[in-house]
Amino acid sequence: MAVDIKSIVHGSPVFGKDIKAGDKLISVNGHEIADVLDYMYYSAEINTELLIERDGVQHTIRIKKSEYDDLGLEFETFLMDSKQSCCNKCIFCFIDQLPKGLRETLYFKDDDARLSFLQGNYVTMTNLSQKDIDRIIQMRISINVSVHTTNPELRCKMMNNRFAGEKLDYLRQFAEAGIPMNCQIVLCPGINDGAELERTLTDLGKLMPNIQSIAVVPVGVTKFRDGLYPLELFDKEGAGRALDLIEGFQKRFLEKYGTRLVFPADEFYITADRPLPSGEEYEDYSQYENGVGMLRSLIDEFDSALETAEDSDIKPCSTSIATGVLSYKYICKLIEKAEKKWHNISCKVYKIRNDFFGETITVTGLITGQDLIAQLKGKPLGDTLLLSSNMIKKDSDLFLDNTSISDVEKALDIKIRLVNNDGFELFDAVTGN
């Protein structure tokens, strides 16, 4: 397979060689290149031989470089071909619960093992072939898997894919080959919780030491579910039962393997009205991006900044914070501690109800610009409105509803400052730094 070369990186190993934009890359060290994984894997060697085609004529370029250094070729797309889309119709799929009229990219369901390795995405494995599995094993790359259940029949039902159950064998193959895996379970009340969750965690535990971590996250339900599978949300008792089961496994795994291995999302503790675990209990925060330990990390970092800050570091300032229902009380407590220590700062915290997706959606990252405008209009916001950067599309200034940061600033007559989920950064923002 030939791949079109878009450009050459200035100063790279191939810069100055007989390669031009528009040439085709045919092979690297004798191996045909189908995508970015092939390109990265076969070009990792110190001595690299490229077969290049220009105007139908092929010629060889030999490169000597440091091991693993990128050659410096750029292509039309990051993956060097199109993303692989999901072939399932999961009963809990959040994309199926989106309203019409949002930006087109939000409706694309990726299920690409290459993005699992390169960007940490989770894949179901349902569109992987044995050839794909063999390549992953050969390249010794890690993978993140959306497991949900190890009951083959139930997995087929949950994913609406008749092959979903048999693909679980890939987990065994990865484990036997020593491939590191992170796993994810979207927990749906009455479907894959209780005895089914116990079975899943038991089965995944048997794949140790190659399972690095398991996240258990509660299903999210928007108001746009007409015609979709009926799902319920976890209530206080249900969340408590899930935590009891998971914490029981944590204790067993810790005793046997030296790691808790499985970690419930923050939402379970809040719904069950239980204290968050200590930072130590999250170990290396390996499932942070799944909402596991985000609040604990934020609290500990903020408290550390609060403890070490000098009076001279604090500037008089007036700010406000808009946050989701889930984290509201925790943010309030942080601000109360800062205002109590320094009386020259003022920060109002506003809880934003998610009218756009429905009140069942309580996370901060899914707050839209129009809900911010509607609920903050006329409120005292100080000099700056602090918002989580999770609300904004990566590499853009757009909220999920296509409202821009400038739209919100103009409607509320306020300057917005985006803050990452970092307690030190939040502390700086509310103390005038």
Protein backbone atom coordinates (compact mmCIF):
# COMPACT_ATOMS: atom_id res chain seq x y z
CA MET A 1 0.00 0.00 0.00
CA ALA A 2 1.44 3.37 -1.04
CA VAL A 3 0.92 6.40 1.22
CA ASP A 4 1.09 9.96 -0.12
CA ILE A 5 3.66 12.19 1.57
CA LYS A 6 2.26 15.61 2.36
CA SER A 7 5.38 17.40 3.61
CA ILE A 8 8.86 17.06 5.13
CA VAL A 9 9.68 18.32 8.62
CA HIS A 10 12.50 20.87 8.53
CA GLY A 11 15.64 19.55 10.22
CA SER A 12 14.34 15.99 10.49
CA PRO A 13 16.34 12.87 9.47
CA VAL A 14 14.77 12.87 5.99
CA PHE A 15 15.20 16.62 5.47
CA GLY A 16 17.57 17.25 2.57
CA LYS A 17 17.14 13.74 1.19
CA ASP A 18 15.65 13.03 -2.22
CA ILE A 19 12.07 13.09 -0.93
CA LYS A 20 9.43 15.66 -1.90
CA ALA A 21 5.84 16.46 -1.06
CA GLY A 22 3.66 14.41 -3.40
CA ASP A 23 5.98 11.39 -3.38
CA LYS A 24 4.61 8.03 -2.23
CA LEU A 25 6.01 5.97 0.62
CA ILE A 26 5.97 2.35 -0.53
CA SER A 27 7.80 0.53 2.27
CA VAL A 28 10.08 0.93 5.29
CA ASN A 29 12.86 -1.62 5.75
CA GLY A 30 11.10 -3.86 3.25
CA HIS A 31 7.71 -3.74 4.98
CA GLU A 32 4.66 -2.29 3.29
CA ILE A 33 3.11 0.60 5.23
CA ALA A 34 -0.64 0.53 5.78
CA ASP A 35 -0.97 3.07 8.58
CA VAL A 36 0.77 5.01 11.34
CA LEU A 37 1.47 1.93 13.46
CA ASP A 38 3.40 0.27 10.64
CA TYR A 39 5.23 3.51 9.98
CA MET A 40 6.24 4.00 13.63
CA TYR A 41 7.13 0.37 14.24
CA TYR A 42 9.25 -0.30 11.17
CA SER A 43 11.01 3.08 11.20
CA ALA A 44 12.16 2.78 14.83
CA GLU A 45 15.52 1.27 13.87
CA ILE A 46 18.76 3.25 13.64
CA ASN A 47 19.33 2.24 10.01
CA THR A 48 16.15 2.77 8.01
CA GLU A 49 15.62 2.12 4.33
CA LEU A 50 12.70 3.85 2.58
CA LEU A 51 11.27 2.89 -0.79
CA ILE A 52 9.91 6.06 -2.40
CA GLU A 53 7.91 6.40 -5.62
CA ARG A 54 7.78 9.55 -7.76
CA ASP A 55 5.96 9.73 -11.07
CA GLY A 56 5.82 5.94 -11.24
CA VAL A 57 9.57 5.50 -10.65
CA GLN A 58 10.79 3.98 -7.39
CA HIS A 59 14.05 4.78 -5.61
CA THR A 60 15.60 3.89 -2.25
CA ILE A 61 16.58 6.31 0.49
CA ARG A 62 18.81 5.18 3.36
CA ILE A 63 18.61 7.04 6.68
CA LYS A 64 20.75 6.76 9.81
CA LYS A 65 19.20 8.27 12.93
CA SER A 66 18.75 7.75 16.67
CA GLU A 67 16.61 4.79 17.60
CA TYR A 68 12.87 5.63 17.76
CA ASP A 69 13.41 9.13 16.32
CA ASP A 70 10.63 10.12 13.94
CA LEU A 71 11.75 10.21 10.32
CA GLY A 72 10.05 13.53 9.65
CA LEU A 73 7.53 12.53 7.01
CA GLU A 74 4.05 14.04 7.29
CA PHE A 75 0.90 12.63 5.71
CA GLU A 76 -2.63 13.80 4.93
CA THR A 77 -4.03 12.30 8.13
CA PHE A 78 -2.49 11.42 11.48
CA LEU A 79 -3.43 7.74 11.07
CA MET A 80 -2.37 7.75 7.40
CA ASP A 81 -5.84 6.44 6.56
CA SER A 82 -9.41 6.92 7.86
CA LYS A 83 -10.51 6.25 11.44
CA GLN A 84 -12.25 2.97 12.12
CA SER A 85 -15.82 3.53 13.25
CA CYS A 86 -17.77 1.52 15.79
CA CYS A 87 -19.92 -1.32 14.45
CA ASN A 88 -21.94 -1.73 17.67
CA LYS A 89 -25.15 -0.16 18.86
CA CYS A 90 -24.59 -0.32 22.60
CA ILE A 91 -27.66 0.11 24.76
CA PHE A 92 -25.81 2.76 26.79
CA CYS A 93 -24.09 4.63 23.95
CA PHE A 94 -23.93 8.33 24.80
CA ILE A 95 -23.66 9.39 21.16
CA ASP A 96 -27.04 7.81 20.42
CA GLN A 97 -28.45 10.10 23.13
CA LEU A 98 -27.31 13.35 21.50
CA PRO A 99 -29.86 15.75 20.05
CA LYS A 100 -29.79 16.69 16.38
CA GLY A 101 -28.02 19.78 15.16
CA LEU A 102 -24.69 19.50 16.96
CA ARG A 103 -21.37 19.62 15.10
CA GLU A 104 -20.91 16.59 12.86
CA THR A 105 -17.79 15.27 14.59
CA LEU A 106 -19.74 14.62 17.79
CA TYR A 107 -21.76 11.89 16.08
CA PHE A 108 -18.76 9.87 14.92
CA LYS A 109 -18.19 6.72 16.99
CA ASP A 110 -14.55 5.74 16.78
CA ASP A 111 -13.49 2.22 17.72
CA ASP A 112 -9.90 2.29 16.51
CA ALA A 113 -7.21 0.19 18.19
CA ARG A 114 -4.52 2.50 16.85
CA LEU A 115 -6.03 5.43 18.76
CA SER A 116 -6.17 3.20 21.81
CA PHE A 117 -2.38 2.94 21.76
CA LEU A 118 -1.62 6.47 20.56
CA GLN A 119 -4.23 8.51 22.43
CA GLY A 120 -5.64 6.26 25.14
CA ASN A 121 -9.04 5.68 23.53
CA TYR A 122 -11.03 2.61 24.57
CA VAL A 123 -12.05 0.01 22.00
CA THR A 124 -14.58 -2.83 22.09
CA MET A 125 -12.47 -5.12 19.83
CA THR A 126 -15.56 -6.02 17.79
CA ASN A 127 -14.09 -4.71 14.55
CA LEU A 128 -10.69 -6.32 15.09
CA SER A 129 -9.67 -9.42 13.16
CA GLN A 130 -7.22 -12.10 14.19
CA LYS A 131 -4.72 -10.38 11.87
CA ASP A 132 -5.15 -7.17 13.87
CA ILE A 133 -4.60 -9.04 17.12
CA ASP A 134 -1.46 -10.69 15.77
CA ARG A 135 -0.08 -7.29 14.75
CA ILE A 136 -0.76 -5.79 18.19
CA ILE A 137 1.04 -8.72 19.79
CA GLN A 138 3.95 -8.51 17.35
CA MET A 139 4.37 -4.77 17.98
CA ARG A 140 4.04 -5.22 21.75
CA ILE A 141 1.69 -2.25 22.10
CA SER A 142 -0.71 -1.65 24.97
CA ILE A 143 -4.45 -1.47 24.48
CA ASN A 144 -7.46 -0.05 26.33
CA VAL A 145 -10.55 -2.24 26.17
CA SER A 146 -14.21 -1.47 26.81
CA VAL A 147 -15.17 -4.81 28.37
CA HIS A 148 -18.46 -4.06 30.18
CA THR A 149 -19.04 -7.75 30.88
CA THR A 150 -17.23 -11.05 30.40
CA ASN A 151 -20.53 -12.89 29.96
CA PRO A 152 -20.50 -13.55 26.17
CA GLU A 153 -24.28 -13.62 25.79
CA LEU A 154 -24.78 -10.48 27.85
CA ARG A 155 -22.01 -8.65 25.97
CA CYS A 156 -23.75 -9.42 22.68
CA LYS A 157 -26.98 -8.04 24.12
CA MET A 158 -25.39 -4.90 25.57
CA MET A 159 -23.53 -4.10 22.36
CA ASN A 160 -26.19 -5.32 19.93
CA ASN A 161 -23.44 -7.18 18.12
CA ARG A 162 -23.57 -10.96 17.67
CA PHE A 163 -19.76 -11.15 17.59
CA ALA A 164 -19.16 -9.19 20.80
CA GLY A 165 -19.03 -12.29 22.99
CA GLU A 166 -16.54 -14.29 20.99
CA LYS A 167 -14.20 -11.28 20.77
CA LEU A 168 -13.57 -11.65 24.50
CA ASP A 169 -11.06 -14.36 23.58
CA TYR A 170 -8.76 -11.57 22.42
CA LEU A 171 -8.31 -10.61 26.09
CA ARG A 172 -6.93 -14.08 26.75
CA GLN A 173 -4.58 -13.83 23.77
CA PHE A 174 -3.30 -10.45 24.90
CA ALA A 175 -2.73 -11.73 28.43
CA GLU A 176 -0.86 -14.83 27.26
CA ALA A 177 1.34 -12.64 25.07
CA GLY A 178 2.04 -10.22 27.94
CA ILE A 179 0.25 -7.25 26.34
CA PRO A 180 -0.61 -4.54 28.93
CA MET A 181 -4.33 -3.74 29.11
CA ASN A 182 -6.50 -1.14 30.80
CA CYS A 183 -10.17 -2.03 30.99
CA GLN A 184 -13.41 -0.12 31.31
CA ILE A 185 -16.85 -1.19 32.49
CA VAL A 186 -19.90 1.00 31.93
CA LEU A 187 -22.21 -0.20 34.70
CA CYS A 188 -25.94 -0.31 34.02
CA PRO A 189 -28.31 -1.03 36.94
CA GLY A 190 -30.04 -4.38 36.65
CA ILE A 191 -28.02 -5.40 33.60
CA ASN A 192 -24.30 -5.91 34.24
CA ASP A 193 -24.06 -5.02 37.94
CA GLY A 194 -24.42 -7.33 40.95
CA ALA A 195 -23.57 -10.95 40.16
CA GLU A 196 -22.59 -10.04 36.59
CA LEU A 197 -20.09 -7.45 37.81
CA GLU A 198 -18.70 -10.01 40.24
CA ARG A 199 -18.22 -12.44 37.36
CA THR A 200 -16.53 -9.79 35.21
CA LEU A 201 -14.08 -8.70 37.89
CA THR A 202 -13.30 -12.31 38.75
CA ASP A 203 -12.58 -13.12 35.10
CA LEU A 204 -10.43 -10.02 34.59
CA GLY A 205 -8.49 -10.79 37.76
CA LYS A 206 -7.46 -14.11 36.21
CA LEU A 207 -5.64 -12.17 33.47
CA MET A 208 -3.23 -10.59 35.93
CA PRO A 209 -0.53 -9.33 35.82
CA ASN A 210 -1.37 -8.03 32.35
CA ILE A 211 -4.43 -6.04 33.38
CA GLN A 212 -3.05 -2.72 34.61
CA SER A 213 -6.29 -1.15 35.80
CA ILE A 214 -10.08 -1.39 35.54
CA ALA A 215 -12.46 1.57 35.69
CA VAL A 216 -16.11 1.11 36.61
CA VAL A 217 -18.22 4.09 35.54
CA PRO A 218 -22.00 4.55 35.90
CA VAL A 219 -24.13 4.78 32.78
CA GLY A 220 -25.06 8.30 31.68
CA VAL A 221 -28.61 9.00 30.53
CA THR A 222 -29.73 12.15 28.69
CA LYS A 223 -33.30 13.26 27.98
CA PHE A 224 -32.92 12.25 24.33
CA ARG A 225 -33.65 8.53 24.65
CA ASP A 226 -36.88 8.12 22.68
CA GLY A 227 -36.88 4.68 21.06
CA LEU A 228 -33.73 3.55 22.85
CA TYR A 229 -33.28 0.73 25.34
CA PRO A 230 -34.84 1.64 28.71
CA LEU A 231 -32.09 2.36 31.22
CA GLU A 232 -32.14 3.41 34.84
CA LEU A 233 -29.69 5.49 36.83
CA PHE A 234 -28.01 4.42 40.02
CA ASP A 235 -29.75 5.62 43.18
CA LYS A 236 -28.09 5.95 46.58
CA GLU A 237 -28.68 2.31 47.55
CA GLY A 238 -27.63 0.93 44.17
CA ALA A 239 -24.46 3.00 44.11
CA GLY A 240 -23.67 1.81 47.63
CA ARG A 241 -24.08 -1.83 46.66
CA ALA A 242 -21.80 -1.33 43.65
CA LEU A 243 -19.17 0.28 45.88
CA ASP A 244 -19.36 -2.52 48.42
CA LEU A 245 -18.76 -5.10 45.71
CA ILE A 246 -15.93 -3.16 44.07
CA GLU A 247 -14.22 -2.37 47.36
CA GLY A 248 -14.37 -6.06 48.27
CA PHE A 249 -12.49 -6.87 45.08
CA GLN A 250 -10.03 -4.07 45.75
CA LYS A 251 -9.12 -5.66 49.06
CA ARG A 252 -8.65 -9.09 47.49
CA PHE A 253 -6.62 -7.77 44.56
CA LEU A 254 -4.43 -5.69 46.87
CA GLU A 255 -3.63 -8.73 49.01
CA LYS A 256 -2.95 -10.97 46.02
CA TYR A 257 -1.35 -8.64 43.46
CA GLY A 258 -0.25 -5.56 45.41
CA THR A 259 -2.71 -3.31 43.55
CA ARG A 260 -6.39 -2.50 44.03
CA LEU A 261 -6.69 -2.91 40.24
CA VAL A 262 -10.36 -1.86 39.97
CA PHE A 263 -11.47 1.71 40.66
CA PRO A 264 -15.01 3.16 40.75
CA ALA A 265 -15.73 6.57 39.24
CA ASP A 266 -16.19 9.55 41.57
CA GLU A 267 -19.89 9.62 40.75
CA PHE A 268 -20.51 6.40 42.69
CA TYR A 269 -19.24 7.96 45.94
CA ILE A 270 -21.26 11.13 45.44
CA THR A 271 -24.46 9.24 44.57
CA ALA A 272 -23.99 6.90 47.53
CA ASP A 273 -23.22 9.90 49.78
CA ARG A 274 -19.92 8.39 50.88
CA PRO A 275 -16.56 10.07 51.47
CA LEU A 276 -14.09 10.05 48.61
CA PRO A 277 -11.12 7.69 49.05
CA SER A 278 -7.73 9.09 49.96
CA GLY A 279 -5.25 9.89 47.22
CA GLU A 280 -3.21 6.86 48.18
CA GLU A 281 -6.14 4.58 47.38
CA TYR A 282 -6.14 5.77 43.75
CA GLU A 283 -2.53 4.58 43.46
CA ASP A 284 -1.15 6.15 40.25
CA TYR A 285 -4.53 7.60 39.10
CA SER A 286 -4.37 5.30 36.07
CA GLN A 287 -8.07 5.77 35.28
CA TYR A 288 -8.14 9.54 35.80
CA GLU A 289 -9.53 10.25 32.32
CA ASN A 290 -12.51 8.03 33.15
CA GLY A 291 -13.51 10.31 36.00
CA VAL A 292 -11.78 8.14 38.60
CA GLY A 293 -10.07 10.22 41.28
CA MET A 294 -10.52 13.58 39.55
CA LEU A 295 -12.13 15.18 42.60
CA ARG A 296 -9.65 13.72 45.08
CA SER A 297 -6.73 14.91 42.97
CA LEU A 298 -8.25 18.40 42.66
CA ILE A 299 -8.90 18.64 46.41
CA ASP A 300 -5.44 17.45 47.44
CA GLU A 301 -3.68 19.77 45.01
CA PHE A 302 -5.76 22.77 46.07
CA ASP A 303 -5.16 22.03 49.76
CA SER A 304 -1.43 21.72 49.11
CA ALA A 305 -1.39 25.09 47.35
CA LEU A 306 -3.42 26.60 50.17
CA GLU A 307 -1.01 25.32 52.79
CA THR A 308 2.19 26.50 51.11
CA ALA A 309 1.07 29.89 49.76
CA GLU A 310 2.47 33.03 51.36
CA ASP A 311 0.37 36.12 52.06
CA SER A 312 2.44 38.01 49.50
CA ASP A 313 1.32 35.54 46.83
CA ILE A 314 -2.34 36.46 47.22
CA LYS A 315 -3.74 39.36 45.24
CA PRO A 316 -7.10 41.06 45.88
CA CYS A 317 -9.51 39.67 43.31
CA SER A 318 -13.16 38.89 42.65
CA THR A 319 -14.02 35.85 40.57
CA SER A 320 -16.80 33.31 40.03
CA ILE A 321 -16.92 29.64 39.14
CA ALA A 322 -19.60 27.78 37.18
CA THR A 323 -19.55 24.04 37.78
CA GLY A 324 -21.69 20.95 37.40
CA VAL A 325 -24.04 19.55 40.02
CA LEU A 326 -21.71 16.61 40.72
CA SER A 327 -18.72 18.64 41.88
CA TYR A 328 -20.53 21.71 43.23
CA LYS A 329 -20.31 21.02 46.96
CA TYR A 330 -16.63 20.07 46.70
CA ILE A 331 -15.73 23.28 44.85
CA CYS A 332 -17.69 25.29 47.43
CA LYS A 333 -15.66 23.78 50.28
CA LEU A 334 -12.38 24.61 48.55
CA ILE A 335 -13.39 28.23 48.02
CA GLU A 336 -14.64 28.56 51.60
CA LYS A 337 -11.22 27.50 52.89
CA ALA A 338 -9.42 30.01 50.68
CA GLU A 339 -11.76 32.90 51.57
CA LYS A 340 -11.47 32.09 55.27
CA LYS A 341 -7.68 32.32 55.12
CA TRP A 342 -7.53 35.41 52.90
CA HIS A 343 -10.27 38.02 53.21
CA ASN A 344 -9.09 39.99 50.19
CA ILE A 345 -10.36 37.38 47.74
CA SER A 346 -13.97 36.70 46.76
CA CYS A 347 -15.25 33.86 44.61
CA LYS A 348 -18.88 32.92 44.04
CA VAL A 349 -19.61 29.33 43.00
CA TYR A 350 -22.63 28.64 40.78
CA LYS A 351 -24.20 25.23 40.25
CA ILE A 352 -25.26 24.84 36.62
CA ARG A 353 -28.24 22.60 35.94
CA ASN A 354 -27.94 20.76 32.62
CA ASP A 355 -31.10 21.81 30.81
CA PHE A 356 -29.55 21.02 27.42
CA PHE A 357 -28.96 17.28 27.96
CA GLY A 358 -31.32 16.88 30.91
CA GLU A 359 -30.91 17.14 34.67
CA THR A 360 -29.67 13.54 34.87
CA ILE A 361 -26.38 14.77 33.37
CA THR A 362 -24.45 16.30 36.25
CA VAL A 363 -20.80 16.38 35.16
CA THR A 364 -19.09 19.71 34.51
CA GLY A 365 -17.63 18.72 31.16
CA LEU A 366 -21.05 18.46 29.51
CA ILE A 367 -22.25 21.96 30.43
CA THR A 368 -23.18 24.00 27.36
CA GLY A 369 -22.75 27.66 26.58
CA GLN A 370 -26.48 28.31 26.39
CA ASP A 371 -27.03 26.87 29.88
CA LEU A 372 -24.26 29.10 31.21
CA ILE A 373 -25.85 32.17 29.66
CA ALA A 374 -29.38 31.33 30.82
CA GLN A 375 -28.43 30.56 34.40
CA LEU A 376 -25.74 33.18 35.01
CA LYS A 377 -27.45 36.17 33.35
CA GLY A 378 -27.72 38.98 35.86
CA LYS A 379 -25.70 37.17 38.54
CA PRO A 380 -22.70 38.83 40.22
CA LEU A 381 -19.70 37.26 38.49
CA GLY A 382 -16.83 39.42 39.68
CA ASP A 383 -14.05 40.34 37.27
CA THR A 384 -13.52 36.86 35.80
CA LEU A 385 -15.65 33.76 35.28
CA LEU A 386 -13.67 30.56 35.79
CA LEU A 387 -14.73 27.56 33.71
CA SER A 388 -13.35 24.05 33.41
CA SER A 389 -11.43 23.52 30.20
CA ASN A 390 -13.30 20.19 29.92
CA MET A 391 -16.33 22.16 28.72
CA ILE A 392 -14.50 23.22 25.57
CA LYS A 393 -13.74 21.13 22.51
CA LYS A 394 -10.02 20.41 22.26
CA ASP A 395 -8.12 22.89 20.08
CA SER A 396 -11.16 25.16 19.75
CA ASP A 397 -13.21 27.70 21.70
CA LEU A 398 -16.55 25.90 21.31
CA PHE A 399 -18.89 24.36 23.85
CA LEU A 400 -20.84 21.22 22.91
CA ASP A 401 -23.78 23.29 21.62
CA ASN A 402 -21.46 25.23 19.27
CA THR A 403 -21.68 28.33 21.43
CA SER A 404 -18.25 29.97 21.59
CA ILE A 405 -16.37 31.39 24.55
CA SER A 406 -16.76 34.87 23.06
CA ASP A 407 -20.53 34.32 22.74
CA VAL A 408 -20.75 33.62 26.47
CA GLU A 409 -18.42 36.50 27.35
CA LYS A 410 -20.52 38.90 25.30
CA ALA A 411 -23.86 37.68 26.69
CA LEU A 412 -22.68 37.84 30.31
CA ASP A 413 -20.36 40.84 29.91
CA ILE A 414 -17.56 38.95 31.65
CA LYS A 415 -14.06 37.73 30.88
CA ILE A 416 -13.73 33.92 30.92
CA ARG A 417 -10.64 32.08 32.13
CA LEU A 418 -10.38 28.38 31.38
CA VAL A 419 -8.92 26.25 34.17
CA ASN A 420 -7.69 22.67 33.82
CA ASN A 421 -8.70 20.05 36.37
CA ASP A 422 -5.69 20.93 38.48
CA GLY A 423 -5.97 22.13 42.05
CA PHE A 424 -2.84 24.30 41.84
CA GLU A 425 -4.17 26.03 38.73
CA LEU A 426 -7.58 26.55 40.33
CA PHE A 427 -5.90 28.04 43.42
CA ASP A 428 -3.94 30.47 41.28
CA ALA A 429 -7.11 31.50 39.44
CA VAL A 430 -9.11 32.29 42.58
CA THR A 431 -6.20 34.09 44.29
CA GLY A 432 -5.41 36.52 41.49
CA ASN A 433 -2.40 34.79 39.93
